[in-house]
Protein backbone atom coordinates (compact mmCIF):
# COMPACT_ATOMS: atom_id res chain seq x y z
CA UNK A 1 -36.93 -17.69 236.78
CA UNK A 2 -38.58 -20.31 238.95
CA UNK A 3 -38.02 -24.19 237.80
CA UNK A 4 -41.06 -26.32 236.79
CA UNK A 5 -42.53 -28.14 239.92
CA UNK A 6 -43.94 -31.75 239.50
CA UNK A 7 -47.15 -32.20 241.17
CA UNK A 8 -47.54 -33.85 244.38
CA UNK A 9 -49.95 -36.26 245.56
CA UNK A 10 -52.93 -34.75 247.54
CA UNK A 11 -52.92 -37.13 250.34
CA UNK A 12 -49.73 -36.45 252.17
CA UNK A 13 -47.09 -39.11 252.89
CA UNK A 14 -48.12 -41.30 249.99
CA UNK A 15 -45.12 -42.17 247.77
CA UNK A 16 -46.16 -43.28 244.18
CA UNK A 17 -42.87 -44.76 242.90
CA UNK A 18 -40.94 -43.56 239.68
CA UNK A 19 -43.64 -43.78 237.15
CA UNK A 20 -46.35 -40.99 237.67
CA UNK A 21 -49.14 -39.62 235.75
CA UNK A 22 -48.98 -37.37 233.13
CA UNK A 23 -50.22 -33.66 234.25
CA UNK A 24 -53.46 -32.59 232.15
CA UNK A 25 -52.84 -29.21 231.67
CA UNK A 26 -55.08 -29.12 228.64
CA UNK A 27 -58.58 -30.71 228.74
CA UNK A 28 -58.63 -31.40 225.30
CA UNK A 29 -55.73 -34.15 226.13
CA UNK A 30 -58.66 -35.88 227.56
CA UNK A 31 -60.78 -35.43 224.77
CA UNK A 32 -58.63 -36.65 222.31
CA UNK A 33 -57.64 -39.87 224.32
CA UNK A 34 -61.28 -40.46 224.21
CA UNK A 35 -62.03 -39.79 220.46
CA UNK A 36 -58.74 -42.24 219.83
CA UNK A 37 -59.52 -44.89 222.20
CA UNK A 38 -61.10 -48.08 220.69
CA UNK A 39 -62.70 -49.48 223.81
CA UNK A 40 -63.19 -46.97 226.65
CA UNK A 41 -65.18 -47.36 230.13
CA UNK A 42 -65.88 -45.04 233.06
CA UNK A 43 -65.79 -45.93 236.51
CA UNK A 44 -68.07 -43.54 238.61
CA UNK A 45 -68.26 -43.47 242.54
CA UNK A 46 -70.63 -42.50 245.06
CA UNK A 47 -69.00 -38.89 245.47
CA UNK A 48 -70.28 -38.38 242.14
CA UNK A 49 -73.71 -37.09 243.90
CA UNK A 50 -71.97 -35.55 246.74
CA UNK A 51 -69.80 -33.28 244.59
CA UNK A 52 -71.69 -29.86 243.76
CA UNK A 53 -70.52 -27.94 240.93
CA UNK A 54 -71.93 -24.44 239.92
CA UNK A 55 -74.33 -26.18 236.98
CA UNK A 56 -74.83 -29.52 238.63
CA UNK A 57 -73.58 -32.14 240.40
CA UNK A 58 -70.71 -34.27 239.39
CA UNK A 59 -72.71 -36.76 238.26
CA UNK A 60 -74.30 -34.72 235.66
CA UNK A 61 -70.86 -33.75 233.79
CA UNK A 62 -69.95 -37.41 233.77
CA UNK A 63 -73.25 -38.75 231.97
CA UNK A 64 -72.59 -35.64 229.24
CA UNK A 65 -69.02 -37.01 228.41
CA UNK A 66 -70.27 -40.71 228.38
CA UNK A 67 -72.76 -40.13 226.37
CA UNK A 68 -70.69 -37.53 223.98
CA UNK A 69 -68.03 -40.22 224.06
CA UNK A 70 -70.19 -43.06 223.73
CA UNK A 71 -68.26 -44.50 226.67
CA UNK A 72 -69.91 -47.28 228.83
CA UNK A 73 -70.24 -46.72 232.50
CA UNK A 74 -69.66 -48.95 235.47
CA UNK A 75 -71.23 -47.55 238.51
CA UNK A 76 -70.60 -48.43 242.10
CA UNK A 77 -72.02 -48.32 245.39
CA UNK A 78 -75.54 -46.79 245.37
CA UNK A 79 -75.61 -44.49 242.85
CA UNK A 80 -76.89 -46.85 239.69
CA UNK A 81 -80.46 -45.15 240.89
CA UNK A 82 -78.93 -41.66 240.49
CA UNK A 83 -77.96 -42.56 236.76
CA UNK A 84 -81.63 -43.82 236.31
CA UNK A 85 -83.46 -40.88 237.96
CA UNK A 86 -81.40 -39.08 235.08
CA UNK A 87 -82.39 -41.50 232.39
CA UNK A 88 -79.16 -42.89 231.85
CA UNK A 89 -78.75 -46.31 231.71
CA UNK A 90 -75.26 -47.64 233.23
CA UNK A 91 -73.80 -50.78 231.54
CA UNK A 92 -73.31 -52.54 234.86
CA UNK A 93 -73.13 -51.81 238.68
CA UNK A 94 -70.50 -53.82 240.54
CA UNK A 95 -68.06 -53.28 243.67
CA UNK A 96 -65.06 -50.74 242.53
CA UNK A 97 -62.69 -53.87 243.52
CA UNK A 98 -64.34 -56.38 241.32
CA UNK A 99 -64.24 -54.08 238.24
CA UNK A 100 -60.56 -53.44 238.85
CA UNK A 101 -59.95 -57.02 239.19
CA UNK A 102 -61.71 -57.66 235.80
CA UNK A 103 -59.81 -55.12 234.23
CA UNK A 104 -56.67 -56.34 235.35
CA UNK A 105 -57.28 -59.91 234.08
CA UNK A 106 -56.01 -60.46 230.43
CA UNK A 107 -58.36 -62.80 229.56
CA UNK A 108 -61.54 -60.96 230.51
CA UNK A 109 -63.36 -60.01 227.38
CA UNK A 110 -65.35 -56.84 229.08
CA UNK A 111 -68.78 -56.70 229.79
CA UNK A 112 -69.94 -57.14 226.28
CA UNK A 113 -67.89 -59.82 225.48
CA UNK A 114 -66.27 -57.90 222.58
CA UNK A 115 -62.49 -57.55 224.30
CA UNK A 116 -60.35 -55.57 226.60
CA UNK A 117 -60.85 -51.70 227.30
CA UNK A 118 -57.92 -49.69 226.28
CA UNK A 119 -58.99 -46.69 228.28
CA UNK A 120 -60.53 -46.07 231.71
CA UNK A 121 -61.87 -42.79 232.94
CA UNK A 122 -62.24 -42.83 236.43
CA UNK A 123 -64.15 -40.14 238.86
CA UNK A 124 -65.96 -39.93 242.00
CA UNK A 125 -64.28 -42.22 244.74
CA UNK A 126 -62.71 -41.13 247.66
CA UNK A 127 -59.09 -40.20 246.97
CA UNK A 128 -57.22 -43.08 248.94
CA UNK A 129 -59.53 -45.85 247.17
CA UNK A 130 -58.92 -44.57 243.79
CA UNK A 131 -55.02 -44.47 244.80
CA UNK A 132 -55.14 -48.11 245.53
CA UNK A 133 -57.34 -49.10 242.52
CA UNK A 134 -55.06 -46.85 239.89
CA UNK A 135 -51.89 -48.21 241.53
CA UNK A 136 -53.20 -51.91 240.93
CA UNK A 137 -54.00 -51.28 237.40
CA UNK A 138 -50.90 -49.36 236.73
CA UNK A 139 -49.19 -52.50 237.71
CA UNK A 140 -51.18 -55.44 236.58
CA UNK A 141 -53.24 -54.04 233.61
CA UNK A 142 -51.34 -54.96 230.38
CA UNK A 143 -52.78 -52.37 227.74
CA UNK A 144 -55.14 -50.19 229.98
CA UNK A 145 -54.41 -46.35 230.06
CA UNK A 146 -55.91 -44.63 232.97
CA UNK A 147 -57.48 -41.32 233.24
CA UNK A 148 -58.39 -39.51 236.52
CA UNK A 149 -60.82 -36.54 235.97
CA UNK A 150 -61.48 -35.94 239.55
CA UNK A 151 -59.83 -32.55 240.83
CA UNK A 152 -56.90 -34.01 242.92
CA UNK A 153 -53.65 -35.51 241.18
CA UNK A 154 -53.58 -39.29 241.02
CA UNK A 155 -49.69 -39.91 240.52
CA UNK A 156 -50.94 -43.63 239.60
CA UNK A 157 -53.01 -42.96 236.62
CA UNK A 158 -51.63 -42.80 233.03
CA UNK A 159 -53.01 -38.94 232.99
CA UNK A 160 -54.15 -36.91 235.72
CA UNK A 161 -55.34 -33.50 236.60
CA UNK A 162 -53.19 -31.65 238.78
CA UNK A 163 -54.46 -30.36 242.17
CA UNK A 164 -57.09 -28.09 241.03
CA UNK A 165 -59.50 -25.45 242.62
CA UNK A 166 -63.24 -26.65 242.24
CA UNK A 167 -63.85 -23.54 239.80
CA UNK A 168 -60.89 -24.80 237.62
CA UNK A 169 -62.05 -28.26 237.65
CA UNK A 170 -65.50 -27.51 236.45
CA UNK A 171 -64.03 -25.26 233.49
CA UNK A 172 -61.80 -28.55 232.61
CA UNK A 173 -65.12 -30.81 232.38
CA UNK A 174 -66.81 -28.50 230.59
CA UNK A 175 -63.95 -28.09 228.11
CA UNK A 176 -64.19 -32.08 227.76
CA UNK A 177 -67.67 -31.99 227.27
CA UNK A 178 -67.53 -29.09 224.53
CA UNK A 179 -64.26 -30.88 222.95
CA UNK A 180 -66.71 -34.12 222.39
CA UNK A 181 -69.65 -31.73 220.56
CA UNK A 182 -71.66 -30.73 223.52
CA UNK A 183 -72.39 -27.35 224.81
């Protein structure tokens, strides 16, 4: 009988420390986190328009999750226009480090002035950049739970998918969409 092997960081030689992300083995976990959250937010990076899946680009999946989950989206880089082309209005756009700093500020009242966010979904960034942002949030945000929905294990998130093949990742994204009431 083989023993359990903990997921490893996708990026070689990165040491996350003793506290690591819980592995999302069932996409329904993400659906439950979204449904329970009082103030979720999603950060989407430039890779969302570069990553091709079987039924569209990553951005198309993220839009469906945001719409169905009632999640405001902060777009970074140049992709705000890509959301607009798809008829989706982002809550804001700003550099990733700027929104990360705000999310770790205990006095920040959110983009709408209604309070701090309790759940962050993040996708579409270069692995090492998401690694750094999630590390900062893990150590300096007070009540923010983080979920990486990219295809590589992010140990600094509260929850993360393990390292996945593209096909398996797409299945998981579709199951999250279905769990939120989509098709």
